[in-house]
């Protein structure tokens, strides 16, 4: 079953960056990306749905905006976004896109 789920979402995902930000410090960029990515899974009711390319694409957006916020400040924790902050930043960047290649 797990292999079947993975095969459904396998592919290459190309994620835009958030433009118009000044990078100050890259410390914590990867960790904040991972926490944003996982946050989307935590707030999604996966008991009702399976993992899909759409869910992964949305999770990638959460990761990108969280890491973008962190790199605009000094330190690994400064700039981490709350769930509301993640959603607000995604809403304020409607051109942020994820392309999926099979």
PDB file of N, CA and C in Angstrom:
ATOM      1  N   UNK A   1       0.819  -1.193   0.000  1.00  0.00           N
ATOM      2  CA  UNK A   1       0.000   0.000   0.000  1.00  0.00           C
ATOM      3  C   UNK A   1       0.868   1.265   0.000  1.00  0.00           C
ATOM      4  N   UNK A   2       1.904   1.296   0.805  1.00  0.00           N
ATOM      5  CA  UNK A   2       2.758   2.475   0.853  1.00  0.00           C
ATOM      6  C   UNK A   2       3.429   2.702  -0.487  1.00  0.00           C
ATOM      7  N   UNK A   3       3.915   1.639  -1.093  1.00  0.00           N
ATOM      8  CA  UNK A   3       4.568   1.777  -2.411  1.00  0.00           C
ATOM      9  C   UNK A   3       3.601   2.357  -3.434  1.00  0.00           C
ATOM     10  N   UNK A   4       2.341   1.917  -3.408  1.00  0.00           N
ATOM     11  CA  UNK A   4       1.336   2.437  -4.331  1.00  0.00           C
ATOM     12  C   UNK A   4       1.114   3.930  -4.106  1.00  0.00           C
ATOM     13  N   UNK A   5       1.075   4.349  -2.847  1.00  0.00           N
ATOM     14  CA  UNK A   5       0.892   5.770  -2.528  1.00  0.00           C
ATOM     15  C   UNK A   5       2.066   6.591  -3.041  1.00  0.00           C
ATOM     16  N   UNK A   6       3.272   6.090  -2.854  1.00  0.00           N
ATOM     17  CA  UNK A   6       4.469   6.803  -3.306  1.00  0.00           C
ATOM     18  C   UNK A   6       4.489   6.918  -4.825  1.00  0.00           C
ATOM     19  N   UNK A   7       4.128   5.853  -5.506  1.00  0.00           N
ATOM     20  CA  UNK A   7       4.128   5.878  -6.970  1.00  0.00           C
ATOM     21  C   UNK A   7       3.138   6.902  -7.519  1.00  0.00           C
ATOM     22  N   UNK A   8       2.047   7.165  -6.792  1.00  0.00           N
ATOM     23  CA  UNK A   8       1.055   8.145  -7.237  1.00  0.00           C
ATOM     24  C   UNK A   8       1.609   9.565  -7.231  1.00  0.00           C
ATOM     25  N   UNK A   9       2.529   9.840  -6.336  1.00  0.00           N
ATOM     26  CA  UNK A   9       3.030  11.213  -6.188  1.00  0.00           C
ATOM     27  C   UNK A   9       4.465  11.377  -6.677  1.00  0.00           C
ATOM     28  N   UNK A  10       5.040  10.300  -7.215  1.00  0.00           N
ATOM     29  CA  UNK A  10       6.430  10.358  -7.684  1.00  0.00           C
ATOM     30  C   UNK A  10       6.546  11.332  -8.853  1.00  0.00           C
ATOM     31  N   UNK A  11       7.657  11.992  -8.921  1.00  0.00           N
ATOM     32  CA  UNK A  11       7.923  12.933  -9.986  1.00  0.00           C
ATOM     33  C   UNK A  11       8.904  13.982  -9.519  1.00  0.00           C
ATOM     34  N   UNK A  12       9.111  14.977 -10.336  1.00  0.00           N
ATOM     35  CA  UNK A  12       9.970  16.101  -9.989  1.00  0.00           C
ATOM     36  C   UNK A  12       9.078  17.302  -9.732  1.00  0.00           C
ATOM     37  N   UNK A  13       9.354  17.993  -8.658  1.00  0.00           N
ATOM     38  CA  UNK A  13       8.583  19.162  -8.275  1.00  0.00           C
ATOM     39  C   UNK A  13       9.485  20.389  -8.379  1.00  0.00           C
ATOM     40  N   UNK A  14       9.083  21.343  -9.185  1.00  0.00           N
ATOM     41  CA  UNK A  14       9.831  22.589  -9.326  1.00  0.00           C
ATOM     42  C   UNK A  14       9.049  23.672  -8.594  1.00  0.00           C
ATOM     43  N   UNK A  15       9.719  24.298  -7.624  1.00  0.00           N
ATOM     44  CA  UNK A  15       9.056  25.284  -6.782  1.00  0.00           C
ATOM     45  C   UNK A  15       9.654  26.659  -7.032  1.00  0.00           C
ATOM     46  N   UNK A  16       8.793  27.645  -7.210  1.00  0.00           N
ATOM     47  CA  UNK A  16       9.258  29.023  -7.335  1.00  0.00           C
ATOM     48  C   UNK A  16       9.878  29.481  -6.021  1.00  0.00           C
ATOM     49  N   UNK A  17      10.559  30.596  -6.090  1.00  0.00           N
ATOM     50  CA  UNK A  17      11.038  31.253  -4.887  1.00  0.00           C
ATOM     51  C   UNK A  17      10.166  32.472  -4.643  1.00  0.00           C
ATOM     52  N   UNK A  18      10.191  32.951  -3.426  1.00  0.00           N
ATOM     53  CA  UNK A  18       9.513  34.200  -3.123  1.00  0.00           C
ATOM     54  C   UNK A  18      10.487  35.316  -3.483  1.00  0.00           C
ATOM     55  N   UNK A  19      10.061  36.134  -4.392  1.00  0.00           N
ATOM     56  CA  UNK A  19      10.932  37.216  -4.856  1.00  0.00           C
ATOM     57  C   UNK A  19      10.753  38.442  -3.963  1.00  0.00           C
ATOM     58  N   UNK A  20      11.568  39.414  -4.166  1.00  0.00           N
ATOM     59  CA  UNK A  20      11.473  40.690  -3.447  1.00  0.00           C
ATOM     60  C   UNK A  20      11.761  40.559  -1.951  1.00  0.00           C
ATOM     61  N   UNK A  21      12.665  39.670  -1.573  1.00  0.00           N
ATOM     62  CA  UNK A  21      13.098  39.590  -0.186  1.00  0.00           C
ATOM     63  C   UNK A  21      14.609  39.735  -0.141  1.00  0.00           C
ATOM     64  N   UNK A  22      15.084  40.326   0.926  1.00  0.00           N
ATOM     65  CA  UNK A  22      16.516  40.489   1.104  1.00  0.00           C
ATOM     66  C   UNK A  22      17.011  39.414   2.065  1.00  0.00           C
ATOM     67  N   UNK A  23      17.864  38.548   1.560  1.00  0.00           N
ATOM     68  CA  UNK A  23      18.412  37.472   2.388  1.00  0.00           C
ATOM     69  C   UNK A  23      19.473  38.050   3.322  1.00  0.00           C
ATOM     70  N   UNK A  24      19.312  37.794   4.602  1.00  0.00           N
ATOM     71  CA  UNK A  24      20.231  38.290   5.617  1.00  0.00           C
ATOM     72  C   UNK A  24      21.126  37.169   6.135  1.00  0.00           C
ATOM     73  N   UNK A  25      20.521  36.012   6.446  1.00  0.00           N
ATOM     74  CA  UNK A  25      21.256  34.913   7.070  1.00  0.00           C
ATOM     75  C   UNK A  25      20.573  33.600   6.693  1.00  0.00           C
ATOM     76  N   UNK A  26      21.324  32.685   6.126  1.00  0.00           N
ATOM     77  CA  UNK A  26      20.748  31.408   5.681  1.00  0.00           C
ATOM     78  C   UNK A  26      20.674  30.368   6.799  1.00  0.00           C
ATOM     79  N   UNK A  27      21.110  30.722   8.000  1.00  0.00           N
ATOM     80  CA  UNK A  27      21.044  29.778   9.111  1.00  0.00           C
ATOM     81  C   UNK A  27      19.591  29.373   9.350  1.00  0.00           C
ATOM     82  N   UNK A  28      19.327  28.098   9.362  1.00  0.00           N
ATOM     83  CA  UNK A  28      17.984  27.594   9.631  1.00  0.00           C
ATOM     84  C   UNK A  28      17.095  27.482   8.413  1.00  0.00           C
ATOM     85  N   UNK A  29      17.615  27.795   7.236  1.00  0.00           N
ATOM     86  CA  UNK A  29      16.777  27.767   6.031  1.00  0.00           C
ATOM     87  C   UNK A  29      16.214  26.369   5.766  1.00  0.00           C
ATOM     88  N   UNK A  30      17.056  25.363   5.871  1.00  0.00           N
ATOM     89  CA  UNK A  30      16.595  23.997   5.604  1.00  0.00           C
ATOM     90  C   UNK A  30      15.644  23.481   6.666  1.00  0.00           C
ATOM     91  N   UNK A  31      15.962  23.750   7.918  1.00  0.00           N
ATOM     92  CA  UNK A  31      15.087  23.310   9.009  1.00  0.00           C
ATOM     93  C   UNK A  31      13.725  23.996   8.929  1.00  0.00           C
ATOM     94  N   UNK A  32      13.726  25.287   8.611  1.00  0.00           N
ATOM     95  CA  UNK A  32      12.451  26.000   8.525  1.00  0.00           C
ATOM     96  C   UNK A  32      11.645  25.537   7.306  1.00  0.00           C
ATOM     97  N   UNK A  33      12.354  25.168   6.229  1.00  0.00           N
ATOM     98  CA  UNK A  33      11.641  24.600   5.085  1.00  0.00           C
ATOM     99  C   UNK A  33      10.944  23.306   5.509  1.00  0.00           C
ATOM    100  N   UNK A  34      11.690  22.436   6.191  1.00  0.00           N
ATOM    101  CA  UNK A  34      11.131  21.151   6.617  1.00  0.00           C
ATOM    102  C   UNK A  34       9.953  21.341   7.572  1.00  0.00           C
ATOM    103  N   UNK A  35      10.067  22.277   8.504  1.00  0.00           N
ATOM    104  CA  UNK A  35       8.967  22.475   9.452  1.00  0.00           C
ATOM    105  C   UNK A  35       7.732  23.037   8.760  1.00  0.00           C
ATOM    106  N   UNK A  36       7.927  23.911   7.788  1.00  0.00           N
ATOM    107  CA  UNK A  36       6.781  24.416   7.038  1.00  0.00           C
ATOM    108  C   UNK A  36       6.138  23.332   6.196  1.00  0.00           C
ATOM    109  N   UNK A  37       6.963  22.528   5.546  1.00  0.00           N
ATOM    110  CA  UNK A  37       6.476  21.414   4.729  1.00  0.00           C
ATOM    111  C   UNK A  37       5.646  20.451   5.577  1.00  0.00           C
ATOM    112  N   UNK A  38       6.187  20.064   6.716  1.00  0.00           N
ATOM    113  CA  UNK A  38       5.488  19.115   7.588  1.00  0.00           C
ATOM    114  C   UNK A  38       4.248  19.718   8.228  1.00  0.00           C
ATOM    115  N   UNK A  39       4.254  21.029   8.451  1.00  0.00           N
ATOM    116  CA  UNK A  39       3.084  21.687   9.044  1.00  0.00           C
ATOM    117  C   UNK A  39       1.845  21.464   8.185  1.00  0.00           C
ATOM    118  N   UNK A  40       2.013  21.507   6.868  1.00  0.00           N
ATOM    119  CA  UNK A  40       0.861  21.302   5.984  1.00  0.00           C
ATOM    120  C   UNK A  40       0.273  19.905   6.176  1.00  0.00           C
ATOM    121  N   UNK A  41       1.130  18.918   6.350  1.00  0.00           N
ATOM    122  CA  UNK A  41       0.628  17.559   6.584  1.00  0.00           C
ATOM    123  C   UNK A  41      -0.068  17.447   7.931  1.00  0.00           C
ATOM    124  N   UNK A  42       0.431  18.172   8.916  1.00  0.00           N
ATOM    125  CA  UNK A  42      -0.153  18.105  10.248  1.00  0.00           C
ATOM    126  C   UNK A  42      -1.540  18.724  10.307  1.00  0.00           C
ATOM    127  N   UNK A  43      -1.795  19.737   9.491  1.00  0.00           N
ATOM    128  CA  UNK A  43      -3.101  20.397   9.520  1.00  0.00           C
ATOM    129  C   UNK A  43      -4.069  19.816   8.500  1.00  0.00           C
ATOM    130  N   UNK A  44      -3.614  18.873   7.707  1.00  0.00           N
ATOM    131  CA  UNK A  44      -4.471  18.220   6.714  1.00  0.00           C
ATOM    132  C   UNK A  44      -5.006  16.926   7.316  1.00  0.00           C
ATOM    133  N   UNK A  45      -6.281  16.710   7.172  1.00  0.00           N
ATOM    134  CA  UNK A  45      -6.907  15.505   7.715  1.00  0.00           C
ATOM    135  C   UNK A  45      -6.628  14.338   6.778  1.00  0.00           C
ATOM    136  N   UNK A  46      -5.494  13.667   6.997  1.00  0.00           N
ATOM    137  CA  UNK A  46      -5.094  12.570   6.121  1.00  0.00           C
ATOM    138  C   UNK A  46      -5.894  11.291   6.357  1.00  0.00           C
ATOM    139  N   UNK A  47      -6.719  11.284   7.380  1.00  0.00           N
ATOM    140  CA  UNK A  47      -7.582  10.113   7.559  1.00  0.00           C
ATOM    141  C   UNK A  47      -8.644  10.080   6.478  1.00  0.00           C
ATOM    142  N   UNK A  48      -8.978  11.264   5.961  1.00  0.00           N
ATOM    143  CA  UNK A  48     -10.025  11.358   4.952  1.00  0.00           C
ATOM    144  C   UNK A  48      -9.484  11.342   3.530  1.00  0.00           C
ATOM    145  N   UNK A  49      -8.207  11.636   3.389  1.00  0.00           N
ATOM    146  CA  UNK A  49      -7.655  11.716   2.043  1.00  0.00           C
ATOM    147  C   UNK A  49      -6.291  11.045   2.001  1.00  0.00           C
ATOM    148  N   UNK A  50      -5.848  10.776   0.809  1.00  0.00           N
ATOM    149  CA  UNK A  50      -4.528  10.191   0.631  1.00  0.00           C
ATOM    150  C   UNK A  50      -3.554  11.288   0.226  1.00  0.00           C
ATOM    151  N   UNK A  51      -2.294  10.965   0.277  1.00  0.00           N
ATOM    152  CA  UNK A  51      -1.295  11.922  -0.158  1.00  0.00           C
ATOM    153  C   UNK A  51      -1.419  12.070  -1.673  1.00  0.00           C
ATOM    154  N   UNK A  52      -1.442  13.312  -2.113  1.00  0.00           N
ATOM    155  CA  UNK A  52      -1.609  13.595  -3.544  1.00  0.00           C
ATOM    156  C   UNK A  52      -0.536  14.585  -3.983  1.00  0.00           C
ATOM    157  N   UNK A  53      -0.420  14.739  -5.281  1.00  0.00           N
ATOM    158  CA  UNK A  53       0.509  15.727  -5.818  1.00  0.00           C
ATOM    159  C   UNK A  53       0.092  17.132  -5.396  1.00  0.00           C
ATOM    160  N   UNK A  54      -1.208  17.364  -5.275  1.00  0.00           N
ATOM    161  CA  UNK A  54      -1.699  18.667  -4.845  1.00  0.00           C
ATOM    162  C   UNK A  54      -1.293  18.940  -3.399  1.00  0.00           C
ATOM    163  N   UNK A  55      -1.399  17.941  -2.540  1.00  0.00           N
ATOM    164  CA  UNK A  55      -1.011  18.109  -1.138  1.00  0.00           C
ATOM    165  C   UNK A  55       0.491  18.364  -1.026  1.00  0.00           C
ATOM    166  N   UNK A  56       1.280  17.627  -1.764  1.00  0.00           N
ATOM    167  CA  UNK A  56       2.729  17.845  -1.740  1.00  0.00           C
ATOM    168  C   UNK A  56       3.063  19.236  -2.278  1.00  0.00           C
ATOM    169  N   UNK A  57       2.385  19.660  -3.324  1.00  0.00           N
ATOM    170  CA  UNK A  57       2.626  20.993  -3.879  1.00  0.00           C
ATOM    171  C   UNK A  57       2.313  22.083  -2.858  1.00  0.00           C
ATOM    172  N   UNK A  58       1.211  21.941  -2.141  1.00  0.00           N
ATOM    173  CA  UNK A  58       0.869  22.914  -1.106  1.00  0.00           C
ATOM    174  C   UNK A  58       1.879  22.873   0.036  1.00  0.00           C
ATOM    175  N   UNK A  59       2.305  21.683   0.412  1.00  0.00           N
ATOM    176  CA  UNK A  59       3.303  21.553   1.481  1.00  0.00           C
ATOM    177  C   UNK A  59       4.623  22.209   1.079  1.00  0.00           C
ATOM    178  N   UNK A  60       4.991  22.091  -0.182  1.00  0.00           N
ATOM    179  CA  UNK A  60       6.205  22.750  -0.670  1.00  0.00           C
ATOM    180  C   UNK A  60       6.088  24.268  -0.547  1.00  0.00           C
ATOM    181  N   UNK A  61       4.918  24.802  -0.829  1.00  0.00           N
ATOM    182  CA  UNK A  61       4.708  26.243  -0.667  1.00  0.00           C
ATOM    183  C   UNK A  61       4.876  26.654   0.796  1.00  0.00           C
ATOM    184  N   UNK A  62       4.335  25.867   1.708  1.00  0.00           N
ATOM    185  CA  UNK A  62       4.487  26.165   3.139  1.00  0.00           C
ATOM    186  C   UNK A  62       5.975  26.181   3.506  1.00  0.00           C
ATOM    187  N   UNK A  63       6.723  25.220   2.988  1.00  0.00           N
ATOM    188  CA  UNK A  63       8.148  25.159   3.282  1.00  0.00           C
ATOM    189  C   UNK A  63       8.888  26.360   2.722  1.00  0.00           C
ATOM    190  N   UNK A  64       8.586  26.728   1.495  1.00  0.00           N
ATOM    191  CA  UNK A  64       9.261  27.856   0.854  1.00  0.00           C
ATOM    192  C   UNK A  64       8.999  29.160   1.600  1.00  0.00           C
ATOM    193  N   UNK A  65       7.752  29.424   1.943  1.00  0.00           N
ATOM    194  CA  UNK A  65       7.474  30.702   2.604  1.00  0.00           C
ATOM    195  C   UNK A  65       8.051  30.741   4.016  1.00  0.00           C
ATOM    196  N   UNK A  66       8.080  29.606   4.702  1.00  0.00           N
ATOM    197  CA  UNK A  66       8.663  29.590   6.042  1.00  0.00           C
ATOM    198  C   UNK A  66      10.164  29.851   5.978  1.00  0.00           C
ATOM    199  N   UNK A  67      10.856  29.188   5.062  1.00  0.00           N
ATOM    200  CA  UNK A  67      12.298  29.403   4.951  1.00  0.00           C
ATOM    201  C   UNK A  67      12.605  30.810   4.428  1.00  0.00           C
ATOM    202  N   UNK A  68      11.760  31.329   3.562  1.00  0.00           N
ATOM    203  CA  UNK A  68      11.953  32.695   3.084  1.00  0.00           C
ATOM    204  C   UNK A  68      11.889  33.684   4.238  1.00  0.00           C
ATOM    205  N   UNK A  69      10.924  33.495   5.109  1.00  0.00           N
ATOM    206  CA  UNK A  69      10.792  34.386   6.252  1.00  0.00           C
ATOM    207  C   UNK A  69      12.008  34.301   7.176  1.00  0.00           C
ATOM    208  N   UNK A  70      12.512  33.096   7.392  1.00  0.00           N
ATOM    209  CA  UNK A  70      13.652  32.906   8.291  1.00  0.00           C
ATOM    210  C   UNK A  70      14.924  33.549   7.744  1.00  0.00           C
ATOM    211  N   UNK A  71      15.174  33.436   6.460  1.00  0.00           N
ATOM    212  CA  UNK A  71      16.433  33.965   5.916  1.00  0.00           C
ATOM    213  C   UNK A  71      16.459  35.491   5.845  1.00  0.00           C
ATOM    214  N   UNK A  72      15.342  36.129   6.125  1.00  0.00           N
ATOM    215  CA  UNK A  72      15.322  37.596   6.130  1.00  0.00           C
ATOM    216  C   UNK A  72      15.736  38.164   7.479  1.00  0.00           C
ATOM    217  N   UNK A  73      16.053  37.280   8.431  1.00  0.00           N
ATOM    218  CA  UNK A  73      16.451  37.717   9.762  1.00  0.00           C
ATOM    219  C   UNK A  73      17.676  36.927  10.215  1.00  0.00           C
ATOM    220  N   UNK A  74      18.320  37.389  11.265  1.00  0.00           N
ATOM    221  CA  UNK A  74      19.493  36.707  11.790  1.00  0.00           C
ATOM    222  C   UNK A  74      19.048  35.611  12.754  1.00  0.00           C
ATOM    223  N   UNK A  75      19.597  34.414  12.565  1.00  0.00           N
ATOM    224  CA  UNK A  75      19.308  33.303  13.462  1.00  0.00           C
ATOM    225  C   UNK A  75      18.368  32.294  12.850  1.00  0.00           C
ATOM    226  N   UNK A  76      18.365  31.112  13.458  1.00  0.00           N
ATOM    227  CA  UNK A  76      17.590  29.999  12.921  1.00  0.00           C
ATOM    228  C   UNK A  76      16.111  30.041  13.294  1.00  0.00           C
ATOM    229  N   UNK A  77      15.763  30.729  14.369  1.00  0.00           N
ATOM    230  CA  UNK A  77      14.371  30.732  14.821  1.00  0.00           C
ATOM    231  C   UNK A  77      13.635  32.025  14.520  1.00  0.00           C
ATOM    232  N   UNK A  78      14.376  33.096  14.400  1.00  0.00           N
ATOM    233  CA  UNK A  78      13.733  34.376  14.092  1.00  0.00           C
ATOM    234  C   UNK A  78      13.092  34.282  12.714  1.00  0.00           C
ATOM    235  N   UNK A  79      11.865  34.696  12.631  1.00  0.00           N
ATOM    236  CA  UNK A  79      11.175  34.668  11.348  1.00  0.00           C
ATOM    237  C   UNK A  79      10.321  33.438  11.124  1.00  0.00           C
ATOM    238  N   UNK A  80      10.396  32.433  12.021  1.00  0.00           N
ATOM    239  CA  UNK A  80       9.519  31.269  11.861  1.00  0.00           C
ATOM    240  C   UNK A  80       8.069  31.730  11.899  1.00  0.00           C
ATOM    241  N   UNK A  81       7.266  31.196  11.008  1.00  0.00           N
ATOM    242  CA  UNK A  81       5.880  31.628  10.890  1.00  0.00           C
ATOM    243  C   UNK A  81       4.928  30.669  11.594  1.00  0.00           C
ATOM    244  N   UNK A  82       3.865  31.216  12.134  1.00  0.00           N
ATOM    245  CA  UNK A  82       2.766  30.413  12.671  1.00  0.00           C
ATOM    246  C   UNK A  82       1.948  29.882  11.487  1.00  0.00           C
ATOM    247  N   UNK A  83       0.990  29.044  11.774  1.00  0.00           N
ATOM    248  CA  UNK A  83       0.116  28.540  10.709  1.00  0.00           C
ATOM    249  C   UNK A  83      -0.584  29.702  10.005  1.00  0.00           C
ATOM    250  N   UNK A  84      -1.092  30.653  10.782  1.00  0.00           N
ATOM    251  CA  UNK A  84      -1.739  31.821  10.170  1.00  0.00           C
ATOM    252  C   UNK A  84      -0.747  32.621   9.347  1.00  0.00           C
ATOM    253  N   UNK A  85       0.484  32.733   9.832  1.00  0.00           N
ATOM    254  CA  UNK A  85       1.516  33.445   9.099  1.00  0.00           C
ATOM    255  C   UNK A  85       1.867  32.765   7.791  1.00  0.00           C
ATOM    256  N   UNK A  86       1.945  31.434   7.818  1.00  0.00           N
ATOM    257  CA  UNK A  86       2.226  30.671   6.595  1.00  0.00           C
ATOM    258  C   UNK A  86       1.143  30.921   5.556  1.00  0.00           C
ATOM    259  N   UNK A  87      -0.107  30.799   5.998  1.00  0.00           N
ATOM    260  CA  UNK A  87      -1.229  30.961   5.070  1.00  0.00           C
ATOM    261  C   UNK A  87      -1.318  32.391   4.542  1.00  0.00           C
ATOM    262  N   UNK A  88      -1.022  33.371   5.410  1.00  0.00           N
ATOM    263  CA  UNK A  88      -1.062  34.772   4.975  1.00  0.00           C
ATOM    264  C   UNK A  88       0.030  35.051   3.948  1.00  0.00           C
ATOM    265  N   UNK A  89       1.223  34.510   4.183  1.00  0.00           N
ATOM    266  CA  UNK A  89       2.313  34.764   3.241  1.00  0.00           C
ATOM    267  C   UNK A  89       2.048  34.083   1.904  1.00  0.00           C
ATOM    268  N   UNK A  90       1.474  32.895   1.924  1.00  0.00           N
ATOM    269  CA  UNK A  90       1.122  32.224   0.671  1.00  0.00           C
ATOM    270  C   UNK A  90       0.066  33.043  -0.068  1.00  0.00           C
ATOM    271  N   UNK A  91      -0.922  33.536   0.659  1.00  0.00           N
ATOM    272  CA  UNK A  91      -1.977  34.355   0.037  1.00  0.00           C
ATOM    273  C   UNK A  91      -1.426  35.642  -0.557  1.00  0.00           C
ATOM    274  N   UNK A  92      -0.403  36.195   0.098  1.00  0.00           N
ATOM    275  CA  UNK A  92       0.155  37.458  -0.391  1.00  0.00           C
ATOM    276  C   UNK A  92       1.130  37.260  -1.555  1.00  0.00           C
ATOM    277  N   UNK A  93       1.389  36.015  -1.914  1.00  0.00           N
ATOM    278  CA  UNK A  93       2.252  35.700  -3.067  1.00  0.00           C
ATOM    279  C   UNK A  93       1.523  34.740  -4.014  1.00  0.00           C
ATOM    280  N   UNK A  94       0.470  35.227  -4.680  1.00  0.00           N
ATOM    281  CA  UNK A  94      -0.337  34.353  -5.532  1.00  0.00           C
ATOM    282  C   UNK A  94       0.412  33.774  -6.730  1.00  0.00           C
ATOM    283  N   UNK A  95       1.544  34.364  -7.084  1.00  0.00           N
ATOM    284  CA  UNK A  95       2.310  33.849  -8.219  1.00  0.00           C
ATOM    285  C   UNK A  95       3.256  32.716  -7.830  1.00  0.00           C
ATOM    286  N   UNK A  96       3.311  32.386  -6.550  1.00  0.00           N
ATOM    287  CA  UNK A  96       4.145  31.287  -6.093  1.00  0.00           C
ATOM    288  C   UNK A  96       3.559  29.987  -6.644  1.00  0.00           C
ATOM    289  N   UNK A  97       4.306  29.319  -7.489  1.00  0.00           N
ATOM    290  CA  UNK A  97       3.804  28.141  -8.189  1.00  0.00           C
ATOM    291  C   UNK A  97       4.679  26.927  -7.960  1.00  0.00           C
ATOM    292  N   UNK A  98       4.069  25.770  -8.090  1.00  0.00           N
ATOM    293  CA  UNK A  98       4.776  24.498  -8.065  1.00  0.00           C
ATOM    294  C   UNK A  98       4.419  23.768  -9.347  1.00  0.00           C
ATOM    295  N   UNK A  99       5.432  23.348 -10.088  1.00  0.00           N
ATOM    296  CA  UNK A  99       5.205  22.570 -11.302  1.00  0.00           C
ATOM    297  C   UNK A  99       5.624  21.124 -11.016  1.00  0.00           C
ATOM    298  N   UNK A 100       4.844  20.184 -11.506  1.00  0.00           N
ATOM    299  CA  UNK A 100       5.128  18.769 -11.300  1.00  0.00           C
ATOM    300  C   UNK A 100       5.419  18.129 -12.648  1.00  0.00           C
ATOM    301  N   UNK A 101       6.559  17.450 -12.695  1.00  0.00           N
ATOM    302  CA  UNK A 101       6.954  16.723 -13.911  1.00  0.00           C
ATOM    303  C   UNK A 101       6.991  15.247 -13.580  1.00  0.00           C
ATOM    304  N   UNK A 102       6.330  14.456 -14.378  1.00  0.00           N
ATOM    305  CA  UNK A 102       6.294  12.996 -14.131  1.00  0.00           C
ATOM    306  C   UNK A 102       7.467  12.297 -14.761  1.00  0.00           C
TER     307      UNK A 102
END
